Protein backbone atom coordinates (compact mmCIF):
# COMPACT_ATOMS: atom_id res chain seq x y z
CA UNK A 1 116.32 48.72 65.37
CA UNK A 2 114.99 46.18 67.89
CA UNK A 3 114.64 42.92 65.99
CA UNK A 4 113.32 40.92 68.95
CA UNK A 5 109.57 41.54 68.32
CA UNK A 6 109.96 40.70 64.62
CA UNK A 7 111.76 37.45 65.37
CA UNK A 8 109.16 36.50 67.95
CA UNK A 9 106.38 37.16 65.43
CA UNK A 10 107.94 34.83 62.85
CA UNK A 11 108.17 31.90 65.26
CA UNK A 12 104.52 31.04 64.73
CA UNK A 13 101.99 29.82 62.17
CA UNK A 14 102.66 32.22 59.29
CA UNK A 15 99.32 32.36 57.50
CA UNK A 16 99.27 32.84 53.71
CA UNK A 17 95.77 34.17 52.97
CA UNK A 18 94.03 33.35 49.71
CA UNK A 19 92.90 36.16 47.41
CA UNK A 20 89.20 35.58 46.68
CA UNK A 21 87.81 36.67 43.31
CA UNK A 22 84.35 37.90 42.43
CA UNK A 23 82.21 36.71 39.51
CA UNK A 24 83.67 39.39 37.24
CA UNK A 25 87.21 38.24 37.97
CA UNK A 26 88.19 41.16 40.20
CA UNK A 27 89.30 40.81 43.82
CA UNK A 28 86.32 40.27 46.10
CA UNK A 29 87.37 42.71 48.81
CA UNK A 30 84.33 41.97 50.99
CA UNK A 31 85.10 38.25 51.06
CA UNK A 32 88.79 39.00 51.49
CA UNK A 33 88.15 41.08 54.60
CA UNK A 34 85.82 38.42 56.01
CA UNK A 35 88.43 35.69 55.51
CA UNK A 36 91.10 37.82 57.18
CA UNK A 37 88.83 38.52 60.15
CA UNK A 38 88.17 34.78 60.42
CA UNK A 39 91.93 34.13 60.59
CA UNK A 40 92.44 36.80 63.23
CA UNK A 41 89.46 35.65 65.27
CA UNK A 42 90.83 32.11 65.02
CA UNK A 43 94.06 33.13 66.75
CA UNK A 44 96.39 33.80 63.82
CA UNK A 45 99.10 36.31 64.77
CA UNK A 46 101.04 36.83 61.54
CA UNK A 47 99.81 37.01 57.92
CA UNK A 48 101.53 37.20 54.55
CA UNK A 49 99.55 39.08 51.92
CA UNK A 50 100.83 38.45 48.39
CA UNK A 51 102.18 35.00 49.14
CA UNK A 52 101.97 32.14 46.66
CA UNK A 53 98.70 30.86 48.17
CA UNK A 54 97.44 34.40 47.55
CA UNK A 55 98.27 33.95 43.82
CA UNK A 56 101.03 36.58 43.95
CA UNK A 57 102.16 36.01 40.39
CA UNK A 58 98.62 36.25 39.00
CA UNK A 59 97.93 39.67 40.52
CA UNK A 60 98.63 43.01 38.88
CA UNK A 61 100.87 45.54 40.70
CA UNK A 62 97.78 47.57 41.59
CA UNK A 63 96.03 44.47 42.95
CA UNK A 64 99.05 43.58 45.05
CA UNK A 65 98.98 47.06 46.56
CA UNK A 66 95.26 46.67 47.25
CA UNK A 67 95.83 43.32 48.98
CA UNK A 68 98.64 44.84 51.07
CA UNK A 69 96.58 47.82 52.20
CA UNK A 70 93.46 45.77 52.85
CA UNK A 71 95.40 43.25 54.96
CA UNK A 72 97.15 45.90 57.04
CA UNK A 73 93.83 47.64 57.63
CA UNK A 74 92.12 44.43 58.78
CA UNK A 75 95.08 43.34 60.90
CA UNK A 76 94.77 46.61 62.80
CA UNK A 77 97.53 45.71 65.21
CA UNK A 78 96.05 42.29 65.98
CA UNK A 79 98.63 40.53 63.81
CA UNK A 80 102.03 41.21 62.29
CA UNK A 81 101.95 41.77 58.53
CA UNK A 82 104.71 40.22 56.39
CA UNK A 83 104.16 41.42 52.80
CA UNK A 84 105.31 39.31 49.85
CA UNK A 85 107.43 41.21 47.29
CA UNK A 86 109.33 40.09 44.22
CA UNK A 87 109.84 40.28 40.43
CA UNK A 88 112.59 42.60 39.13
CA UNK A 89 114.57 44.68 41.64
CA UNK A 90 112.81 48.04 41.01
CA UNK A 91 109.38 46.35 41.29
CA UNK A 92 110.37 44.53 44.48
CA UNK A 93 111.84 47.68 46.02
CA UNK A 94 108.74 49.71 45.13
CA UNK A 95 106.53 47.03 46.70
CA UNK A 96 108.67 46.96 49.85
CA UNK A 97 108.53 50.74 50.14
CA UNK A 98 104.76 50.65 49.66
CA UNK A 99 104.48 47.99 52.38
CA UNK A 100 106.54 50.18 54.72
CA UNK A 101 104.46 53.27 53.99
CA UNK A 102 101.22 51.33 54.47
CA UNK A 103 102.32 50.15 57.92
CA UNK A 104 103.72 46.64 57.45
CA UNK A 105 106.44 45.38 59.77
CA UNK A 106 108.23 42.98 57.42
CA UNK A 107 108.56 41.84 53.82
CA UNK A 108 109.05 38.34 52.47
CA UNK A 109 111.16 38.27 49.29
CA UNK A 110 109.90 35.67 46.84
CA UNK A 111 112.42 33.27 45.35
CA UNK A 112 113.88 34.99 42.23
CA UNK A 113 112.38 33.35 39.14
CA UNK A 114 115.10 34.43 36.73
CA UNK A 115 116.49 31.32 34.96
CA UNK A 116 120.10 32.36 35.64
CA UNK A 117 120.58 32.91 39.37
CA UNK A 118 124.15 33.04 40.68
CA UNK A 119 124.82 32.90 44.41
CA UNK A 120 126.43 36.35 44.37
CA UNK A 121 123.52 37.63 42.30
CA UNK A 122 121.10 36.22 44.87
CA UNK A 123 122.91 38.22 47.55
CA UNK A 124 122.84 41.38 45.41
CA UNK A 125 119.12 40.99 44.72
CA UNK A 126 118.18 40.68 48.38
CA UNK A 127 120.65 43.35 49.48
CA UNK A 128 119.06 45.90 47.14
CA UNK A 129 115.64 45.24 48.67
CA UNK A 130 116.80 45.09 52.29
CA UNK A 131 118.84 48.30 52.01
CA UNK A 132 115.84 50.15 50.54
CA UNK A 133 113.75 49.45 53.66
CA UNK A 134 116.18 49.35 56.61
CA UNK A 135 113.32 49.83 59.06
CA UNK A 136 111.53 46.65 57.97
CA UNK A 137 112.36 43.06 58.78
CA UNK A 138 113.31 41.08 55.64
CA UNK A 139 112.64 37.38 55.17
CA UNK A 140 114.11 35.62 52.10
CA UNK A 141 111.97 32.82 50.67
CA UNK A 142 114.38 30.03 49.71
CA UNK A 143 113.33 27.31 47.28
CA UNK A 144 116.71 26.84 45.58
CA UNK A 145 118.48 23.66 46.78
CA UNK A 146 121.77 24.86 45.30
CA UNK A 147 122.03 27.97 47.48
CA UNK A 148 124.64 27.76 50.26
CA UNK A 149 123.90 28.82 53.81
CA UNK A 150 127.04 30.98 53.73
CA UNK A 151 125.28 33.27 51.22
CA UNK A 152 122.63 34.14 53.78
CA UNK A 153 125.30 34.93 56.35
CA UNK A 154 127.02 37.28 53.88
CA UNK A 155 123.72 39.02 53.16
CA UNK A 156 122.95 39.53 56.85
CA UNK A 157 126.45 40.88 57.52
CA UNK A 158 125.56 43.93 55.40
CA UNK A 159 121.80 43.90 56.08
CA UNK A 160 121.04 43.31 59.77
CA UNK A 161 117.31 43.67 59.07
CA UNK A 162 117.36 40.18 57.49
CA UNK A 163 115.73 38.52 60.49
CA UNK A 164 114.40 35.19 59.30
CA UNK A 165 114.14 32.69 56.49
CA UNK A 166 111.23 30.91 54.86
CA UNK A 167 112.93 27.67 53.81
CA UNK A 168 111.01 25.63 51.27
CA UNK A 169 113.41 23.04 49.89
CA UNK A 170 111.77 19.62 50.49
CA UNK A 171 114.81 18.07 52.15
CA UNK A 172 115.05 18.11 55.96
CA UNK A 173 118.73 17.14 55.95
CA UNK A 174 119.52 19.94 53.51
CA UNK A 175 117.60 22.37 55.71
CA UNK A 176 119.51 21.30 58.82
CA UNK A 177 122.84 21.84 57.07
CA UNK A 178 121.81 25.15 55.49
CA UNK A 179 120.57 26.57 58.80
CA UNK A 180 123.77 25.65 60.58
CA UNK A 181 125.98 26.99 57.80
CA UNK A 182 124.08 30.29 57.85
CA UNK A 183 123.80 30.51 61.64
CA UNK A 184 121.09 28.54 63.40
CA UNK A 185 120.65 31.07 66.19
CA UNK A 186 121.14 34.10 64.00
CA UNK A 187 117.80 33.84 62.16
CA UNK A 188 114.27 32.63 62.75
CA UNK A 189 113.76 29.53 60.63
CA UNK A 190 110.28 29.14 59.16
CA UNK A 191 109.38 25.80 57.58
CA UNK A 192 108.11 27.03 54.23
CA UNK A 193 106.42 23.80 53.16
CA UNK A 194 103.61 24.02 55.70
CA UNK A 195 102.18 21.40 58.06
CA UNK A 196 103.29 18.36 56.06
CA UNK A 197 106.98 19.20 56.63
CA UNK A 198 106.74 21.15 59.89
CA UNK A 199 107.48 18.26 62.33
CA UNK A 200 110.64 17.24 60.47
CA UNK A 201 111.85 20.82 60.08
CA UNK A 202 111.15 21.68 63.73
CA UNK A 203 113.35 18.74 64.73
CA UNK A 204 116.16 20.40 62.74
CA UNK A 205 115.73 23.92 64.15
CA UNK A 206 112.63 25.59 62.69
CA UNK A 207 110.42 27.52 65.13
CA UNK A 208 107.62 28.54 62.77
CA UNK A 209 105.85 27.23 59.69
CA UNK A 210 103.82 28.70 56.86
CA UNK A 211 100.29 27.56 56.17
CA UNK A 212 97.65 27.78 53.48
CA UNK A 213 95.51 25.19 55.25
CA UNK A 214 95.07 27.74 58.07
CA UNK A 215 92.63 29.60 55.77
CA UNK A 216 90.30 26.62 56.18
CA UNK A 217 90.88 25.58 59.81
CA UNK A 218 92.99 27.94 61.95
CA UNK A 219 92.54 25.72 65.00
CA UNK A 220 94.10 22.73 63.27
CA UNK A 221 97.26 24.62 62.31
CA UNK A 222 97.56 26.22 65.74
CA UNK A 223 97.14 22.81 67.39
CA UNK A 224 100.16 21.53 65.47
CA UNK A 225 102.18 24.58 66.50
CA UNK A 226 101.25 24.10 70.14
CA UNK A 227 102.36 20.46 70.02
CA UNK A 228 105.63 21.32 68.28
CA UNK A 229 106.41 24.08 70.77
CA UNK A 230 105.77 21.65 73.62
CA UNK A 231 108.05 19.05 72.05
CA UNK A 232 105.10 16.67 71.90
CA UNK A 233 105.95 14.87 68.67
CA UNK A 234 103.14 12.27 68.93
CA UNK A 235 100.54 15.04 69.28
CA UNK A 236 102.03 16.92 66.31
CA UNK A 237 101.95 13.77 64.22
CA UNK A 238 98.33 13.19 65.18
CA UNK A 239 97.52 16.52 63.51
CA UNK A 240 99.82 15.56 60.63
CA UNK A 241 97.85 12.36 60.07
CA UNK A 242 94.61 14.35 60.08
CA UNK A 243 95.71 16.79 57.39
CA UNK A 244 98.01 14.51 55.39
CA UNK A 245 95.68 13.75 52.48
CA UNK A 246 94.57 17.37 52.15
CA UNK A 247 98.18 18.51 51.88
CA UNK A 248 99.04 15.68 49.50
CA UNK A 249 96.24 16.85 47.21
CA UNK A 250 97.80 20.30 47.24
CA UNK A 251 101.30 18.95 46.55
CA UNK A 252 100.25 16.58 43.75
CA UNK A 253 101.76 17.16 40.28
CA UNK A 254 104.36 19.63 41.57
CA UNK A 255 101.78 21.59 43.56
CA UNK A 256 99.55 22.23 40.56
CA UNK A 257 96.50 22.48 42.83
CA UNK A 258 98.16 24.14 45.81
CA UNK A 259 95.80 27.13 45.80
CA UNK A 260 92.92 25.35 44.12
CA UNK A 261 92.42 22.81 46.90
CA UNK A 262 92.37 25.52 49.58
CA UNK A 263 89.83 27.58 47.66
CA UNK A 264 87.74 24.49 47.00
CA UNK A 265 87.62 23.82 50.74
CA UNK A 266 86.60 27.41 51.42
CA UNK A 267 83.92 27.16 48.73
CA UNK A 268 82.60 23.97 50.35
CA UNK A 269 82.27 25.96 53.58
CA UNK A 270 80.51 28.80 51.78
CA UNK A 271 83.29 31.28 52.58
CA UNK A 272 84.47 32.32 49.12
CA UNK A 273 84.23 31.47 45.43
CA UNK A 274 86.41 28.61 44.17
CA UNK A 275 87.71 30.60 41.20
CA UNK A 276 91.45 30.91 40.62
CA UNK A 277 93.49 32.59 37.90
CA UNK A 278 95.74 30.95 35.31
CA UNK A 279 98.10 29.17 35.52
CA UNK A 280 96.02 27.61 38.33
CA UNK A 281 92.67 25.99 37.47
CA UNK A 282 89.62 24.95 39.48
CA UNK A 283 89.33 21.31 40.49
CA UNK A 284 87.36 18.93 38.28
CA UNK A 285 83.95 18.08 39.66
CA UNK A 286 85.05 14.54 40.56
CA UNK A 287 87.73 15.79 42.96
CA UNK A 288 85.65 18.40 44.74
CA UNK A 289 83.83 15.84 46.87
CA UNK A 290 87.13 14.46 48.14
CA UNK A 291 88.20 17.88 49.38
CA UNK A 292 84.87 18.33 51.17
CA UNK A 293 85.25 14.88 52.71
CA UNK A 294 88.76 15.65 53.90
CA UNK A 295 87.72 18.68 55.91
CA UNK A 296 84.46 17.20 57.19
CA UNK A 297 86.00 15.86 60.39
CA UNK A 298 88.13 18.90 61.22
CA UNK A 299 87.42 21.34 64.03
CA UNK A 300 86.44 24.33 61.91
C-alpha cells in the first residue's frame, strides 16, 4: 500500500462540511451538494464528511451513510474523502467498511466518548477499526490530553495504514511533545483546532489543519495555508487577525456554538438554512448580526 498520496492529501486544509437541514428536519441533499461544489470550486482538496462540524453525533446511521455517499459522489476525484467514523467498535467498523465500499480513501476515527478510556483500550479500539480496512488510510482524532505519544507509535507498529493524526488538544507545547514521542516524521500532523491554532501548531510540526470556517470562505482558509507553507508567519497572522473573532464566537462556552456560528454565516449568505440539531441550538437574534458583520469584509 503506497501511503505517499494519502499523506500528501492530509497536509492541507482539511474541510469539515456542514450538514444542512431542510424545513422538515431531514438532510437537505440539494443544499448539501451545492455547498460541497462550492468548496471544491473554491480549491478545497480534502473533505471530511461526518465530522463534528457536520453534526456527526446528531445524525442517524442511515444519515451518516447518506452523507458519506453524497460527498464521495460530489468529490468525483476532485478531492480526497476522509470519512468520520466512531461510536462502539462494531458501528465504527461498519462505517469504515461502508466508506471503503463507497470509494473513500481514508477514515478519521472520532475521539472515543466512553467515560473510561485506558491507553491500552484506546490502542485496541483503533486497531480494531484499522485492521478491518487495511486498504484505507486511518487518522485518529485526538482530544485527550492524557494520551501518550507512545500509544500512537504502538498502534502504527501493528497498523501501518495509520497515516496521520488530527490533534485537537488546545496546548501547543503538549502537541509538540506528543508528536515527537510518537514520531514527528512518521505521521502527518493535522492541527485539529482549525485556523485559530494553526500557526502555533505549524511551528511545532503540523503540516495541515482542519477547518469549519472554510465552508464560509474557502479562500480565507487557503490563504492561511499558503502563508504557513511559505513560512510567512506575518502573513499567516494577518489572516488569523481577520478570522479571530469569528473563531472565538465558535469556541465560546466550550464550543457550544461551534456549528451554529458556521451555519449562521452560511444563512447570512443565503447558502443554507441556519437550523441545527440538539444538543446544538441556533444563535439568538441579537448575535446573528455580529456573525454577519464578521464575514462582511472577507473575500467570499
